Amino acid sequence: VYVIDDKNIARLRQLRLSEPLAGGFHEVLAGVSAGEKVALDPVKAGIVARPGN
């Protein structure tokens, strides 16, 4: 995933996921922390992100 840093720059980050849970979902075990912003739309590494609504 891409995490938006404190300078609004998208940085690529690898996640460690659980085995599939009920409904095919996965739990994020490592790679992002609570409160970090992630990009929901496809982006390129290093792009300056404009926070949206």
N, C-alpha and C. Protein backbone atom coordinates (compact mmCIF):
# COMPACT_ATOMS: atom_id res chain seq x y z
N VAL A 1 0.85 -1.17 0.00
CA VAL A 1 0.00 0.00 0.00
C VAL A 1 0.89 1.23 0.00
N TYR A 2 0.30 2.37 -0.33
CA TYR A 2 1.00 3.64 -0.23
C TYR A 2 0.52 4.36 1.01
N VAL A 3 1.46 4.75 1.86
CA VAL A 3 1.17 5.50 3.07
C VAL A 3 1.58 6.94 2.82
N ILE A 4 0.73 7.86 3.23
CA ILE A 4 1.00 9.29 3.05
C ILE A 4 1.77 9.78 4.27
N ASP A 5 2.99 10.30 4.04
CA ASP A 5 3.81 10.74 5.18
C ASP A 5 3.43 12.15 5.63
N ASP A 6 4.15 12.67 6.61
CA ASP A 6 3.82 13.98 7.18
C ASP A 6 4.07 15.14 6.22
N LYS A 7 4.74 14.88 5.09
CA LYS A 7 4.95 15.90 4.06
C LYS A 7 4.02 15.67 2.87
N ASN A 8 2.99 14.83 3.07
CA ASN A 8 2.00 14.46 2.05
C ASN A 8 2.62 13.77 0.85
N ILE A 9 3.69 13.00 1.06
CA ILE A 9 4.32 12.23 -0.01
C ILE A 9 3.93 10.77 0.15
N ALA A 10 3.51 10.15 -0.96
CA ALA A 10 3.11 8.74 -0.94
C ALA A 10 4.35 7.86 -0.93
N ARG A 11 4.44 6.98 0.05
CA ARG A 11 5.57 6.06 0.21
C ARG A 11 5.05 4.62 0.18
N LEU A 12 5.67 3.79 -0.66
CA LEU A 12 5.26 2.40 -0.77
C LEU A 12 5.65 1.64 0.50
N ARG A 13 4.72 0.85 1.00
CA ARG A 13 4.94 0.09 2.22
C ARG A 13 4.41 -1.31 2.02
N GLN A 14 5.15 -2.32 2.45
CA GLN A 14 4.68 -3.70 2.38
C GLN A 14 3.89 -4.03 3.64
N LEU A 15 2.85 -4.83 3.46
CA LEU A 15 2.02 -5.27 4.58
C LEU A 15 2.25 -6.75 4.83
N ARG A 16 2.09 -7.15 6.08
CA ARG A 16 2.05 -8.57 6.43
C ARG A 16 0.62 -8.86 6.84
N LEU A 17 -0.01 -9.81 6.15
CA LEU A 17 -1.42 -10.12 6.36
C LEU A 17 -1.60 -11.47 7.03
N SER A 18 -2.74 -11.62 7.70
CA SER A 18 -3.11 -12.91 8.29
C SER A 18 -3.55 -13.87 7.20
N GLU A 19 -3.77 -15.10 7.59
CA GLU A 19 -4.42 -16.06 6.70
C GLU A 19 -5.85 -15.55 6.47
N PRO A 20 -6.50 -15.98 5.40
CA PRO A 20 -7.86 -15.52 5.14
C PRO A 20 -8.79 -15.80 6.32
N LEU A 21 -9.61 -14.80 6.64
CA LEU A 21 -10.61 -14.92 7.70
C LEU A 21 -11.96 -15.18 7.06
N ALA A 22 -12.99 -15.25 7.88
CA ALA A 22 -14.35 -15.45 7.38
C ALA A 22 -14.68 -14.37 6.35
N GLY A 23 -15.29 -14.77 5.26
CA GLY A 23 -15.67 -13.82 4.23
C GLY A 23 -14.52 -13.44 3.30
N GLY A 24 -13.36 -14.08 3.47
CA GLY A 24 -12.23 -13.79 2.59
C GLY A 24 -11.41 -12.58 2.99
N PHE A 25 -11.71 -12.01 4.14
CA PHE A 25 -10.97 -10.84 4.61
C PHE A 25 -9.63 -11.26 5.21
N HIS A 26 -8.71 -10.30 5.33
CA HIS A 26 -7.42 -10.51 5.97
C HIS A 26 -7.23 -9.45 7.04
N GLU A 27 -6.54 -9.80 8.09
CA GLU A 27 -6.15 -8.84 9.12
C GLU A 27 -4.75 -8.35 8.79
N VAL A 28 -4.52 -7.03 8.93
CA VAL A 28 -3.19 -6.46 8.72
C VAL A 28 -2.40 -6.68 10.01
N LEU A 29 -1.32 -7.46 9.91
CA LEU A 29 -0.51 -7.79 11.08
C LEU A 29 0.65 -6.82 11.26
N ALA A 30 1.16 -6.26 10.18
CA ALA A 30 2.29 -5.34 10.25
C ALA A 30 2.35 -4.52 8.97
N GLY A 31 2.95 -3.34 9.07
CA GLY A 31 3.16 -2.51 7.89
C GLY A 31 2.53 -1.14 7.97
N VAL A 32 1.45 -1.01 8.70
CA VAL A 32 0.83 0.29 8.95
C VAL A 32 0.41 0.36 10.41
N SER A 33 0.32 1.56 10.90
CA SER A 33 -0.10 1.78 12.28
C SER A 33 -1.41 2.55 12.31
N ALA A 34 -2.11 2.43 13.41
CA ALA A 34 -3.36 3.17 13.59
C ALA A 34 -3.09 4.66 13.41
N GLY A 35 -3.96 5.31 12.65
CA GLY A 35 -3.85 6.75 12.45
C GLY A 35 -3.06 7.15 11.21
N GLU A 36 -2.33 6.20 10.60
CA GLU A 36 -1.61 6.54 9.37
C GLU A 36 -2.59 6.66 8.22
N LYS A 37 -2.29 7.55 7.28
CA LYS A 37 -3.13 7.75 6.11
C LYS A 37 -2.62 6.86 4.99
N VAL A 38 -3.55 6.17 4.33
CA VAL A 38 -3.19 5.35 3.18
C VAL A 38 -3.91 5.87 1.95
N ALA A 39 -3.29 5.69 0.77
CA ALA A 39 -3.89 6.13 -0.48
C ALA A 39 -4.94 5.11 -0.91
N LEU A 40 -6.12 5.58 -1.27
CA LEU A 40 -7.19 4.70 -1.71
C LEU A 40 -7.22 4.57 -3.22
N ASP A 41 -6.63 5.53 -3.93
CA ASP A 41 -6.55 5.49 -5.38
C ASP A 41 -5.14 5.11 -5.79
N PRO A 42 -4.97 4.49 -6.96
CA PRO A 42 -3.62 4.15 -7.42
C PRO A 42 -2.75 5.40 -7.52
N VAL A 43 -1.51 5.28 -7.05
CA VAL A 43 -0.58 6.41 -7.08
C VAL A 43 0.80 5.90 -7.48
N LYS A 44 1.70 6.83 -7.72
CA LYS A 44 3.10 6.49 -7.98
C LYS A 44 3.91 6.87 -6.75
N ALA A 45 4.94 6.09 -6.45
CA ALA A 45 5.79 6.38 -5.30
C ALA A 45 6.40 7.76 -5.43
N GLY A 46 6.42 8.49 -4.34
CA GLY A 46 7.03 9.80 -4.29
C GLY A 46 6.14 10.94 -4.71
N ILE A 47 4.94 10.66 -5.20
CA ILE A 47 4.04 11.73 -5.61
C ILE A 47 3.58 12.51 -4.38
N VAL A 48 3.41 13.81 -4.54
CA VAL A 48 2.87 14.63 -3.46
C VAL A 48 1.36 14.50 -3.49
N ALA A 49 0.79 14.07 -2.39
CA ALA A 49 -0.65 13.83 -2.30
C ALA A 49 -1.37 15.08 -1.83
N ARG A 50 -2.55 15.30 -2.40
CA ARG A 50 -3.42 16.38 -1.93
C ARG A 50 -4.52 15.74 -1.11
N PRO A 51 -4.54 15.99 0.20
CA PRO A 51 -5.60 15.41 1.03
C PRO A 51 -6.97 15.79 0.50
N GLY A 52 -7.86 14.80 0.42
CA GLY A 52 -9.22 15.04 -0.07
C GLY A 52 -10.22 14.88 1.05
N ASN A 53 -11.45 14.83 0.65
CA ASN A 53 -12.53 14.68 1.63
C ASN A 53 -12.69 13.24 2.01
